[in-house]
Amino acid sequence: MGEVVGRGHFGYTCVAKSKKGDLKGEEAAVKVIPKAKMTTAIGIEDVRREVRILRSLAGAPHLVQFHDAYEDDENVYIVMELCKGGELLDRILSRGGKYSEEDAKAVLVQILSVVSYCHLQGVVHRDLKPENFLFGLKDDDSTLKAIDFGLSDFVKPDERLNDIVGSAYYVAPEVLTRSYGTEADMWSIGVITYILLCGSRPFWARTESGIFRAVLKAEPSFEEEPWPSLSAEARDFVKRLLNKDYRKRMTAAQALCHPWVRESHQAKIPLDNIICKSIRAYVCSSSLRKSALRALAKTLTTTQQLYLQEQFKLLEPNKNGYISLQNLKTALMKNSTEAMKDSRVVDFVNVVSSLQYRKLDFDEFAAAAISVYQMEGLETWEHHARTAFDIFDQDGNRPIMIEELASELGLSTSVPVHVVLKDWIRHSDGKLSFLGFLKLLHGVSSRGFSKA
């Protein structure tokens, strides 16, 4: 064991030299976690989970390589590859605080690649920040590696976590309100991107509670230099990650398809778990809602369709261009690791793939996989919504009674439902109104109506 090269929440990291085995004579990094700090059952489980995550994700690109884990009476030792190029934070500081757009993209593609892989396996990192990305070597074009999974956890696509962890400047608003999933990592990437491009933090205060208040209430500034001189695509990319509504944020796979990134980096697009979640909601929707979503999907531009086309290809449609829900499971199992079993993502997809539903062509897949919330986060949302309503008015709209609408939505025809639904129907012809169309796109539940 040699010098200490890093200190974290629960331990420290040393340089070490391997005495025997495949790595004999080679240098490695050893994370030492004193057992004295593992005073609770939760602390012990956190360390076990970190080892489980590193072991099961081993071999993934842009992830620090795990060699093995050991323990003695005093410590747990996690042995990993030694990254000699220093922290991303140090590189940012050495460049005077900011990167050019091209250099920032080169960094972000690597971050998004590893995070999209983790999210596919149902692993949320929960502490993404420039200090937790190391360069393999000191070269300018060295590979970037994600480290420190000590705060990471497993999460299913329909599950929410509630413990507040992470670093104040990078923590997502929904973490502070104790209900979050993988989208919290995307907020952290938004903060990292903001720092890379302008050299300052989007949310700042002198105290931790002040930072938390800013994260919850303040909006990041895009008015000061260098933002006005940066490309519109760069600003759009950051804004679509730093949206306080986690439902409107891009996923890591979607961020890799964003025009700003795609124009110079044709990164491999991985399967995205949000697709399974959206398709399940679509399959369980009323025929009227499916018709509304099909109209919305027809308004997508070629650029917006790129992500959906990539996802559809990954599901390997047959020669006639159709997929079944079983394709979701088949595609997922091709990418499966032990982490996916721990996170129970497979259980979730099993439920979706067992639903009885006809085969989907690309047009219906686009309608099923589209996220209305994410569309609402676009500056062009109003145009999409109006155009979609015009299409729906021509193709899918029909006279409808309040009782029929309530039944279609699976609601009991109680008085509050009548009060809420009357605005959904046009008085002139009894067809769905624009407001009704927008509400229908989101889908509704009886729970939502009890609040109304």
Protein backbone atom coordinates (compact mmCIF):
# COMPACT_ATOMS: atom_id res chain seq x y z
CA MET A 1 0.00 0.00 0.00
CA GLY A 2 1.34 3.42 -0.98
CA GLU A 3 0.31 7.07 -0.72
CA VAL A 4 -3.25 8.27 -0.15
CA VAL A 5 -4.63 9.77 -3.38
CA GLY A 6 -8.22 10.55 -2.39
CA ARG A 7 -10.66 10.86 0.49
CA GLY A 8 -14.40 10.22 0.33
CA HIS A 9 -17.49 10.06 2.55
CA PHE A 10 -16.58 6.82 4.29
CA GLY A 11 -12.95 6.08 3.60
CA TYR A 12 -9.82 6.91 1.65
CA THR A 13 -8.07 5.63 -1.50
CA CYS A 14 -4.42 4.53 -1.75
CA VAL A 15 -2.11 3.63 -4.59
CA ALA A 16 -1.04 -0.02 -4.21
CA LYS A 17 1.05 -2.60 -6.04
CA SER A 18 -0.26 -6.12 -6.63
CA LYS A 19 1.94 -8.92 -5.19
CA LYS A 20 0.52 -11.89 -7.14
CA GLY A 21 -2.14 -13.06 -9.58
CA ASP A 22 -3.01 -11.58 -12.97
CA LEU A 23 -2.11 -8.07 -11.81
CA LYS A 24 1.28 -8.99 -10.27
CA GLY A 25 3.60 -5.97 -10.32
CA GLU A 26 0.87 -3.62 -11.56
CA GLU A 27 -0.39 -0.56 -9.75
CA ALA A 28 -3.99 -0.38 -8.57
CA ALA A 29 -6.22 1.93 -6.52
CA VAL A 30 -7.46 0.53 -3.21
CA LYS A 31 -10.43 2.13 -1.47
CA VAL A 32 -10.10 1.51 2.28
CA ILE A 33 -13.31 1.67 4.33
CA PRO A 34 -12.67 1.40 8.11
CA LYS A 35 -15.13 -0.93 9.83
CA ALA A 36 -15.23 1.52 12.74
CA LYS A 37 -17.25 3.80 10.42
CA MET A 38 -19.73 1.01 9.65
CA THR A 39 -21.58 1.45 12.91
CA THR A 40 -25.05 0.53 11.61
CA ALA A 41 -26.62 -2.26 9.58
CA ILE A 42 -27.38 0.39 6.92
CA GLY A 43 -23.68 1.34 6.71
CA ILE A 44 -22.66 -2.29 6.20
CA GLU A 45 -25.36 -2.77 3.54
CA ASP A 46 -24.16 0.40 1.73
CA VAL A 47 -20.65 -1.05 1.39
CA ARG A 48 -21.98 -4.45 0.28
CA ARG A 49 -24.15 -2.73 -2.32
CA GLU A 50 -21.22 -0.67 -3.65
CA VAL A 51 -19.21 -3.88 -4.16
CA ARG A 52 -22.23 -5.62 -5.77
CA ILE A 53 -22.73 -2.72 -8.18
CA LEU A 54 -19.03 -2.48 -9.13
CA ARG A 55 -18.76 -6.26 -9.56
CA SER A 56 -21.89 -6.56 -11.71
CA LEU A 57 -21.13 -3.53 -13.94
CA ALA A 58 -17.43 -4.48 -14.38
CA GLY A 59 -16.27 -4.16 -17.97
CA ALA A 60 -18.56 -1.27 -18.90
CA PRO A 61 -16.80 1.51 -20.83
CA HIS A 62 -16.11 4.75 -18.91
CA LEU A 63 -16.57 2.97 -15.59
CA VAL A 64 -13.59 2.50 -13.27
CA GLN A 65 -12.65 -1.19 -13.53
CA PHE A 66 -13.27 -3.31 -10.44
CA HIS A 67 -10.68 -6.00 -9.61
CA ASP A 68 -11.78 -7.48 -6.26
CA ALA A 69 -12.84 -6.79 -2.68
CA TYR A 70 -11.36 -8.08 0.58
CA GLU A 71 -11.76 -7.53 4.30
CA ASP A 72 -9.80 -8.01 7.50
CA ASP A 73 -10.72 -7.24 11.12
CA GLU A 74 -10.31 -3.50 10.65
CA ASN A 75 -11.17 -2.56 7.05
CA VAL A 76 -12.91 -3.43 3.82
CA TYR A 77 -10.68 -3.03 0.74
CA ILE A 78 -12.08 -2.40 -2.75
CA VAL A 79 -9.38 -2.88 -5.42
CA MET A 80 -9.87 -0.99 -8.71
CA GLU A 81 -7.86 0.23 -11.67
CA LEU A 82 -5.65 3.23 -10.96
CA CYS A 83 -6.62 6.32 -12.98
CA LYS A 84 -3.57 8.56 -13.28
CA GLY A 85 -5.05 11.53 -15.16
CA GLY A 86 -6.64 13.33 -12.21
CA GLU A 87 -10.18 14.61 -11.62
CA LEU A 88 -12.39 16.31 -14.17
CA LEU A 89 -12.67 19.15 -11.64
CA ASP A 90 -8.89 19.75 -11.79
CA ARG A 91 -9.00 19.83 -15.60
CA ILE A 92 -11.81 22.42 -15.51
CA LEU A 93 -9.79 24.60 -13.11
CA SER A 94 -6.60 24.22 -15.14
CA ARG A 95 -8.47 25.51 -18.24
CA GLY A 96 -9.41 28.71 -16.44
CA GLY A 97 -12.86 27.46 -15.54
CA LYS A 98 -14.49 26.57 -18.82
CA TYR A 99 -14.42 24.34 -21.89
CA SER A 100 -15.20 25.11 -25.53
CA GLU A 101 -18.48 23.58 -26.75
CA GLU A 102 -16.62 20.88 -28.71
CA ASP A 103 -14.42 19.90 -25.76
CA ALA A 104 -17.42 19.93 -23.41
CA LYS A 105 -19.30 17.57 -25.77
CA ALA A 106 -16.36 15.15 -25.83
CA VAL A 107 -16.54 14.96 -22.01
CA LEU A 108 -20.35 14.72 -21.89
CA VAL A 109 -20.64 11.88 -24.41
CA GLN A 110 -18.46 9.78 -22.08
CA ILE A 111 -20.47 10.78 -18.99
CA LEU A 112 -23.80 10.08 -20.75
CA SER A 113 -22.57 6.73 -22.07
CA VAL A 114 -21.72 5.38 -18.63
CA VAL A 115 -24.79 6.89 -16.95
CA SER A 116 -27.17 5.53 -19.62
CA TYR A 117 -25.61 2.08 -19.08
CA CYS A 118 -26.08 2.33 -15.30
CA HIS A 119 -29.69 3.50 -15.68
CA LEU A 120 -30.49 0.61 -18.04
CA GLN A 121 -29.30 -1.75 -15.29
CA GLY A 122 -31.49 0.08 -12.74
CA VAL A 123 -28.53 1.73 -10.97
CA VAL A 124 -28.77 5.40 -9.97
CA HIS A 125 -25.36 6.92 -9.04
CA ARG A 126 -26.69 9.72 -6.77
CA ASP A 127 -23.37 11.59 -6.50
CA LEU A 128 -22.41 12.68 -10.01
CA LYS A 129 -20.00 15.64 -9.87
CA PRO A 130 -16.68 16.59 -11.54
CA GLU A 131 -14.71 15.12 -8.60
CA ASN A 132 -16.22 11.68 -9.32
CA PHE A 133 -14.92 11.46 -12.89
CA LEU A 134 -11.24 10.63 -13.36
CA PHE A 135 -9.11 10.60 -16.50
CA GLY A 136 -7.26 7.33 -17.13
CA LEU A 137 -4.09 9.17 -18.18
CA LYS A 138 -2.74 12.73 -18.16
CA ASP A 139 -3.19 13.12 -21.97
CA ASP A 140 -5.67 15.74 -23.20
CA ASP A 141 -7.73 13.11 -25.04
CA SER A 142 -7.63 10.52 -22.24
CA THR A 143 -10.71 8.40 -21.46
CA LEU A 144 -12.95 9.55 -18.63
CA LYS A 145 -14.07 7.08 -15.92
CA ALA A 146 -16.90 7.30 -13.39
CA ILE A 147 -15.88 6.43 -9.82
CA ASP A 148 -17.33 6.24 -6.29
CA PHE A 149 -20.53 4.22 -6.25
CA GLY A 150 -20.66 4.47 -2.44
CA LEU A 151 -23.97 6.36 -2.53
CA SER A 152 -25.46 4.45 -5.47
CA ASP A 153 -28.63 2.39 -5.25
CA PHE A 154 -30.92 0.14 -7.27
CA VAL A 155 -34.24 1.51 -8.55
CA LYS A 156 -37.04 0.06 -10.68
CA PRO A 157 -38.63 2.23 -13.45
CA ASP A 158 -41.84 2.63 -11.42
CA GLU A 159 -40.14 3.07 -8.03
CA ARG A 160 -39.08 6.20 -6.10
CA LEU A 161 -36.24 6.57 -3.58
CA ASN A 162 -36.56 8.89 -0.56
CA ASP A 163 -33.25 9.30 1.28
CA ILE A 164 -31.41 12.61 0.83
CA VAL A 165 -27.87 11.89 -0.41
CA GLY A 166 -25.40 13.54 -2.76
CA SER A 167 -23.47 16.82 -2.91
CA ALA A 168 -25.31 20.11 -2.33
CA TYR A 169 -24.39 21.89 -5.59
CA TYR A 170 -25.40 18.91 -7.74
CA VAL A 171 -28.47 17.59 -5.89
CA ALA A 172 -31.80 17.53 -7.79
CA PRO A 173 -34.90 19.31 -6.42
CA GLU A 174 -36.87 16.04 -6.12
CA VAL A 175 -34.12 14.51 -3.95
CA LEU A 176 -34.71 17.34 -1.45
CA THR A 177 -38.46 16.57 -1.50
CA ARG A 178 -37.68 12.85 -1.02
CA SER A 179 -39.17 11.23 -4.11
CA TYR A 180 -36.81 10.52 -7.00
CA GLY A 181 -35.40 8.03 -9.50
CA THR A 182 -32.73 8.00 -12.23
CA GLU A 183 -33.80 11.50 -13.37
CA ALA A 184 -31.88 12.92 -10.38
CA ASP A 185 -28.61 11.90 -12.09
CA MET A 186 -29.68 13.81 -15.21
CA TRP A 187 -30.07 17.02 -13.16
CA SER A 188 -26.50 16.52 -11.85
CA ILE A 189 -25.26 16.14 -15.45
CA GLY A 190 -27.08 19.39 -16.25
CA VAL A 191 -25.15 21.13 -13.46
CA ILE A 192 -21.85 19.63 -14.70
CA THR A 193 -22.62 20.81 -18.27
CA TYR A 194 -23.46 24.32 -17.04
CA ILE A 195 -20.10 24.46 -15.19
CA LEU A 196 -18.16 23.07 -18.19
CA LEU A 197 -19.60 25.71 -20.53
CA CYS A 198 -19.46 28.83 -18.38
CA GLY A 199 -17.13 28.09 -15.45
CA SER A 200 -19.62 28.92 -12.69
CA ARG A 201 -22.28 27.00 -10.77
CA PRO A 202 -25.96 27.44 -11.70
CA PHE A 203 -27.01 27.46 -8.02
CA TRP A 204 -24.88 29.09 -5.36
CA ALA A 205 -25.14 30.27 -1.74
CA ARG A 206 -22.85 30.58 1.28
CA THR A 207 -24.54 27.82 3.27
CA GLU A 208 -25.82 24.34 2.43
CA SER A 209 -29.39 25.32 3.32
CA GLY A 210 -29.01 28.37 1.04
CA ILE A 211 -27.87 26.12 -1.85
CA PHE A 212 -30.86 23.82 -1.26
CA ARG A 213 -33.21 26.84 -1.34
CA ALA A 214 -31.65 27.99 -4.63
CA VAL A 215 -31.99 24.49 -6.15
CA LEU A 216 -35.68 24.41 -5.20
CA LYS A 217 -36.62 28.01 -6.08
CA ALA A 218 -34.03 29.82 -8.24
CA GLU A 219 -33.64 29.60 -12.03
CA PRO A 220 -30.15 29.34 -13.54
CA SER A 221 -28.98 32.41 -15.47
CA PHE A 222 -28.44 32.18 -19.23
CA GLU A 223 -28.14 35.96 -19.74
CA GLU A 224 -24.54 36.55 -18.62
CA GLU A 225 -21.47 35.83 -20.74
CA PRO A 226 -20.61 33.42 -22.24
CA TRP A 227 -24.23 32.14 -22.64
CA PRO A 228 -25.42 34.68 -25.27
CA SER A 229 -22.42 33.78 -27.46
CA LEU A 230 -22.91 29.99 -27.11
CA SER A 231 -25.05 28.03 -29.57
CA ALA A 232 -28.85 27.82 -29.11
CA GLU A 233 -28.48 24.01 -29.07
CA ALA A 234 -26.04 24.16 -26.12
CA ARG A 235 -28.47 26.32 -24.12
CA ASP A 236 -31.38 24.04 -25.03
CA PHE A 237 -29.39 20.96 -23.93
CA VAL A 238 -28.68 22.45 -20.48
CA LYS A 239 -32.23 23.79 -20.01
CA ARG A 240 -33.72 20.36 -20.80
CA LEU A 241 -31.62 18.84 -18.01
CA LEU A 242 -32.05 21.63 -15.44
CA ASN A 243 -35.87 21.44 -15.52
CA LYS A 244 -37.22 21.34 -11.96
CA ASP A 245 -40.00 18.95 -13.10
CA TYR A 246 -38.12 15.64 -13.37
CA ARG A 247 -40.74 14.30 -15.82
CA LYS A 248 -39.70 16.94 -18.38
CA ARG A 249 -35.96 16.13 -18.20
CA MET A 250 -34.18 14.18 -20.93
CA THR A 251 -32.98 10.67 -20.12
CA ALA A 252 -29.30 9.83 -20.73
CA ALA A 253 -30.17 7.96 -23.96
CA GLN A 254 -32.23 10.94 -25.17
CA ALA A 255 -29.39 13.36 -24.31
CA LEU A 256 -27.06 11.28 -26.54
CA CYS A 257 -29.58 11.88 -29.37
CA HIS A 258 -29.78 15.65 -28.77
CA PRO A 259 -28.75 17.64 -31.90
CA TRP A 260 -26.03 19.49 -29.97
CA VAL A 261 -24.28 16.23 -29.13
CA ARG A 262 -25.12 14.33 -32.33
CA GLU A 263 -23.65 16.90 -34.71
CA SER A 264 -20.12 15.91 -33.72
CA HIS A 265 -20.41 12.60 -31.81
CA GLN A 266 -22.25 9.59 -33.19
CA ALA A 267 -22.28 7.74 -29.87
CA LYS A 268 -23.92 4.34 -29.53
CA ILE A 269 -27.49 4.82 -28.26
CA PRO A 270 -28.45 2.28 -25.58
CA LEU A 271 -31.89 0.88 -24.80
CA ASP A 272 -33.89 3.21 -22.53
CA ASN A 273 -36.06 1.91 -19.66
CA ILE A 274 -38.47 4.85 -20.03
CA ILE A 275 -39.69 3.18 -23.25
CA CYS A 276 -41.07 0.20 -21.27
CA LYS A 277 -42.79 2.54 -18.82
CA SER A 278 -44.40 4.61 -21.60
CA ILE A 279 -45.52 1.57 -23.60
CA ARG A 280 -47.16 0.03 -20.53
CA ALA A 281 -49.12 3.24 -19.94
CA TYR A 282 -50.12 3.35 -23.64
CA VAL A 283 -51.28 -0.27 -23.79
CA CYS A 284 -53.43 0.26 -20.69
CA SER A 285 -54.93 3.52 -22.09
CA SER A 286 -58.40 4.10 -23.54
CA SER A 287 -58.87 4.03 -27.32
CA LEU A 288 -59.52 7.80 -27.23
CA ARG A 289 -56.17 8.50 -25.51
CA LYS A 290 -54.31 6.23 -27.98
CA SER A 291 -55.86 8.24 -30.81
CA ALA A 292 -54.70 11.51 -29.16
CA LEU A 293 -51.14 10.19 -28.71
CA ARG A 294 -51.01 9.02 -32.34
CA ALA A 295 -51.94 12.55 -33.41
CA LEU A 296 -49.18 14.03 -31.20
CA ALA A 297 -46.57 11.58 -32.58
CA LYS A 298 -47.37 12.79 -36.13
CA THR A 299 -46.11 16.29 -35.18
CA LEU A 300 -42.56 15.13 -34.37
CA THR A 301 -39.78 16.56 -36.54
CA THR A 302 -37.19 14.30 -38.18
CA THR A 303 -34.68 15.28 -35.47
CA GLN A 304 -37.16 14.48 -32.68
CA GLN A 305 -37.88 11.10 -34.28
CA LEU A 306 -34.21 10.07 -34.23
CA TYR A 307 -34.29 8.83 -30.62
CA LEU A 308 -37.49 6.81 -31.21
CA GLN A 309 -36.07 5.30 -34.41
CA GLU A 310 -32.92 4.24 -32.53
CA GLN A 311 -35.01 2.66 -29.76
CA PHE A 312 -37.27 0.89 -32.28
CA LYS A 313 -34.21 -0.57 -34.06
CA LEU A 314 -32.87 -1.92 -30.74
CA LEU A 315 -36.15 -3.84 -30.32
CA GLU A 316 -35.38 -5.65 -33.62
CA PRO A 317 -38.64 -5.38 -35.58
CA ASN A 318 -39.48 -8.30 -37.91
CA LYS A 319 -39.09 -8.02 -41.70
CA ASN A 320 -42.57 -6.46 -41.93
CA GLY A 321 -41.53 -3.69 -39.51
CA TYR A 322 -43.49 -4.83 -36.42
CA ILE A 323 -42.50 -5.51 -32.82
CA SER A 324 -44.36 -7.30 -30.04
CA LEU A 325 -44.11 -6.49 -26.33
CA GLN A 326 -41.97 -9.62 -25.98
CA ASN A 327 -39.31 -7.75 -27.99
CA LEU A 328 -38.88 -5.43 -24.98
CA LYS A 329 -37.87 -8.34 -22.78
CA THR A 330 -35.63 -9.92 -25.44
CA ALA A 331 -33.76 -6.62 -26.01
CA LEU A 332 -33.40 -6.05 -22.27
CA MET A 333 -32.02 -9.54 -21.57
CA LYS A 334 -29.30 -8.95 -24.18
CA ASN A 335 -28.02 -6.09 -22.00
CA SER A 336 -28.70 -7.72 -18.64
CA THR A 337 -26.17 -7.89 -15.79
CA GLU A 338 -26.52 -9.04 -12.17
CA ALA A 339 -27.33 -5.41 -11.30
CA MET A 340 -30.50 -5.63 -13.39
CA LYS A 341 -31.69 -8.54 -11.27
CA ASP A 342 -30.90 -6.63 -8.05
CA SER A 343 -32.81 -3.57 -9.28
CA ARG A 344 -35.78 -5.74 -10.35
CA VAL A 345 -35.96 -3.97 -13.74
CA VAL A 346 -36.45 -7.43 -15.27
CA ASP A 347 -39.56 -7.97 -13.10
CA PHE A 348 -41.02 -4.70 -14.38
CA VAL A 349 -40.37 -5.59 -18.03
CA ASN A 350 -41.78 -9.12 -17.49
CA VAL A 351 -45.09 -7.54 -16.48
CA VAL A 352 -45.09 -5.30 -19.57
CA SER A 353 -44.10 -8.06 -22.00
CA SER A 354 -46.81 -10.39 -20.65
CA LEU A 355 -49.61 -7.90 -21.53
CA GLN A 356 -51.73 -9.14 -24.42
CA TYR A 357 -51.45 -6.58 -27.20
CA ARG A 358 -51.23 -6.52 -30.97
CA LYS A 359 -47.94 -5.94 -32.73
CA LEU A 360 -46.73 -2.31 -33.06
CA ASP A 361 -45.39 -0.74 -36.24
CA PHE A 362 -43.09 2.30 -35.95
CA ASP A 363 -45.93 4.85 -36.09
CA GLU A 364 -47.78 3.22 -33.20
CA PHE A 365 -44.51 2.63 -31.31
CA ALA A 366 -43.79 6.38 -31.58
CA ALA A 367 -47.26 7.13 -30.14
CA ALA A 368 -46.69 4.61 -27.33
CA ALA A 369 -43.15 5.72 -26.46
CA ILE A 370 -43.60 9.50 -26.68
CA SER A 371 -43.41 11.39 -23.37
CA VAL A 372 -46.06 14.13 -23.15
CA TYR A 373 -44.31 15.70 -20.15
CA GLN A 374 -41.00 15.93 -22.02
CA MET A 375 -42.80 17.43 -25.02
CA GLU A 376 -44.28 20.06 -22.69
CA GLY A 377 -40.73 21.01 -21.71
CA LEU A 378 -39.97 22.06 -25.33
CA GLU A 379 -40.18 25.70 -26.41
CA THR A 380 -42.20 24.47 -29.43
CA TRP A 381 -44.79 22.66 -27.26
CA GLU A 382 -47.67 25.02 -28.09
CA HIS A 383 -47.14 24.42 -31.83
CA HIS A 384 -47.00 20.61 -31.34
CA ALA A 385 -50.16 20.65 -29.21
CA ARG A 386 -52.19 22.81 -31.63
CA THR A 387 -51.06 20.83 -34.69
CA ALA A 388 -51.81 17.52 -32.94
CA PHE A 389 -55.29 18.74 -31.94
CA ASP A 390 -56.02 19.70 -35.57
CA ILE A 391 -54.98 16.19 -36.70
CA PHE A 392 -57.03 14.61 -33.91
CA ASP A 393 -60.03 16.82 -34.77
CA GLN A 394 -59.97 15.52 -38.36
CA ASP A 395 -59.16 11.85 -37.67
CA GLY A 396 -60.09 10.83 -34.13
CA ASN A 397 -62.46 13.36 -32.60
CA ARG A 398 -66.12 12.44 -32.29
CA PRO A 399 -69.22 13.54 -30.36
CA ILE A 400 -68.97 12.18 -26.83
CA MET A 401 -71.20 12.32 -23.74
CA ILE A 402 -69.75 13.12 -20.29
CA GLU A 403 -70.91 9.68 -19.09
CA GLU A 404 -69.14 8.01 -22.02
CA LEU A 405 -65.98 10.05 -21.41
CA ALA A 406 -65.99 9.14 -17.70
CA SER A 407 -66.45 5.47 -18.64
CA GLU A 408 -63.70 5.69 -21.29
CA LEU A 409 -61.36 7.08 -18.61
CA GLY A 410 -62.40 4.40 -16.11
CA LEU A 411 -64.04 6.87 -13.72
CA SER A 412 -67.27 6.52 -11.78
CA THR A 413 -69.89 9.06 -12.89
CA SER A 414 -69.95 10.91 -9.59
CA VAL A 415 -70.84 14.62 -9.35
CA PRO A 416 -67.21 15.91 -9.07
CA VAL A 417 -66.36 14.05 -12.30
CA HIS A 418 -69.23 15.81 -14.11
CA VAL A 419 -68.02 19.19 -12.83
CA VAL A 420 -64.45 18.55 -14.04
CA LEU A 421 -65.30 16.91 -17.36
CA LYS A 422 -67.77 19.52 -18.64
CA ASP A 423 -64.85 21.73 -19.81
CA TRP A 424 -63.42 18.79 -21.73
CA ILE A 425 -66.28 18.81 -24.25
CA ARG A 426 -67.08 21.51 -26.83
CA HIS A 427 -70.62 22.84 -26.47
CA SER A 428 -70.92 23.51 -30.23
CA ASP A 429 -70.64 19.90 -31.44
CA GLY A 430 -70.16 17.71 -28.35
CA LYS A 431 -66.61 16.74 -29.39
CA LEU A 432 -63.49 16.86 -27.21
CA SER A 433 -62.22 20.43 -26.65
CA PHE A 434 -58.55 21.50 -26.86
CA LEU A 435 -58.38 21.48 -23.04
CA GLY A 436 -59.90 17.99 -22.98
CA PHE A 437 -57.39 16.86 -25.61
CA LEU A 438 -54.42 18.13 -23.53
CA LYS A 439 -55.76 16.45 -20.38
CA LEU A 440 -56.37 13.23 -22.29
CA LEU A 441 -52.77 13.16 -23.56
CA HIS A 442 -51.55 12.87 -19.97
CA GLY A 443 -54.05 10.18 -19.05
CA VAL A 444 -55.98 10.49 -15.84
CA SER A 445 -56.68 8.43 -12.77
CA SER A 446 -59.48 8.47 -10.19
CA ARG A 447 -56.86 9.74 -7.70
CA GLY A 448 -56.37 12.86 -9.80
CA PHE A 449 -60.09 13.52 -9.83
CA SER A 450 -60.57 13.23 -6.09
CA LYS A 451 -58.17 16.21 -5.77
CA ALA A 452 -60.13 18.19 -8.37
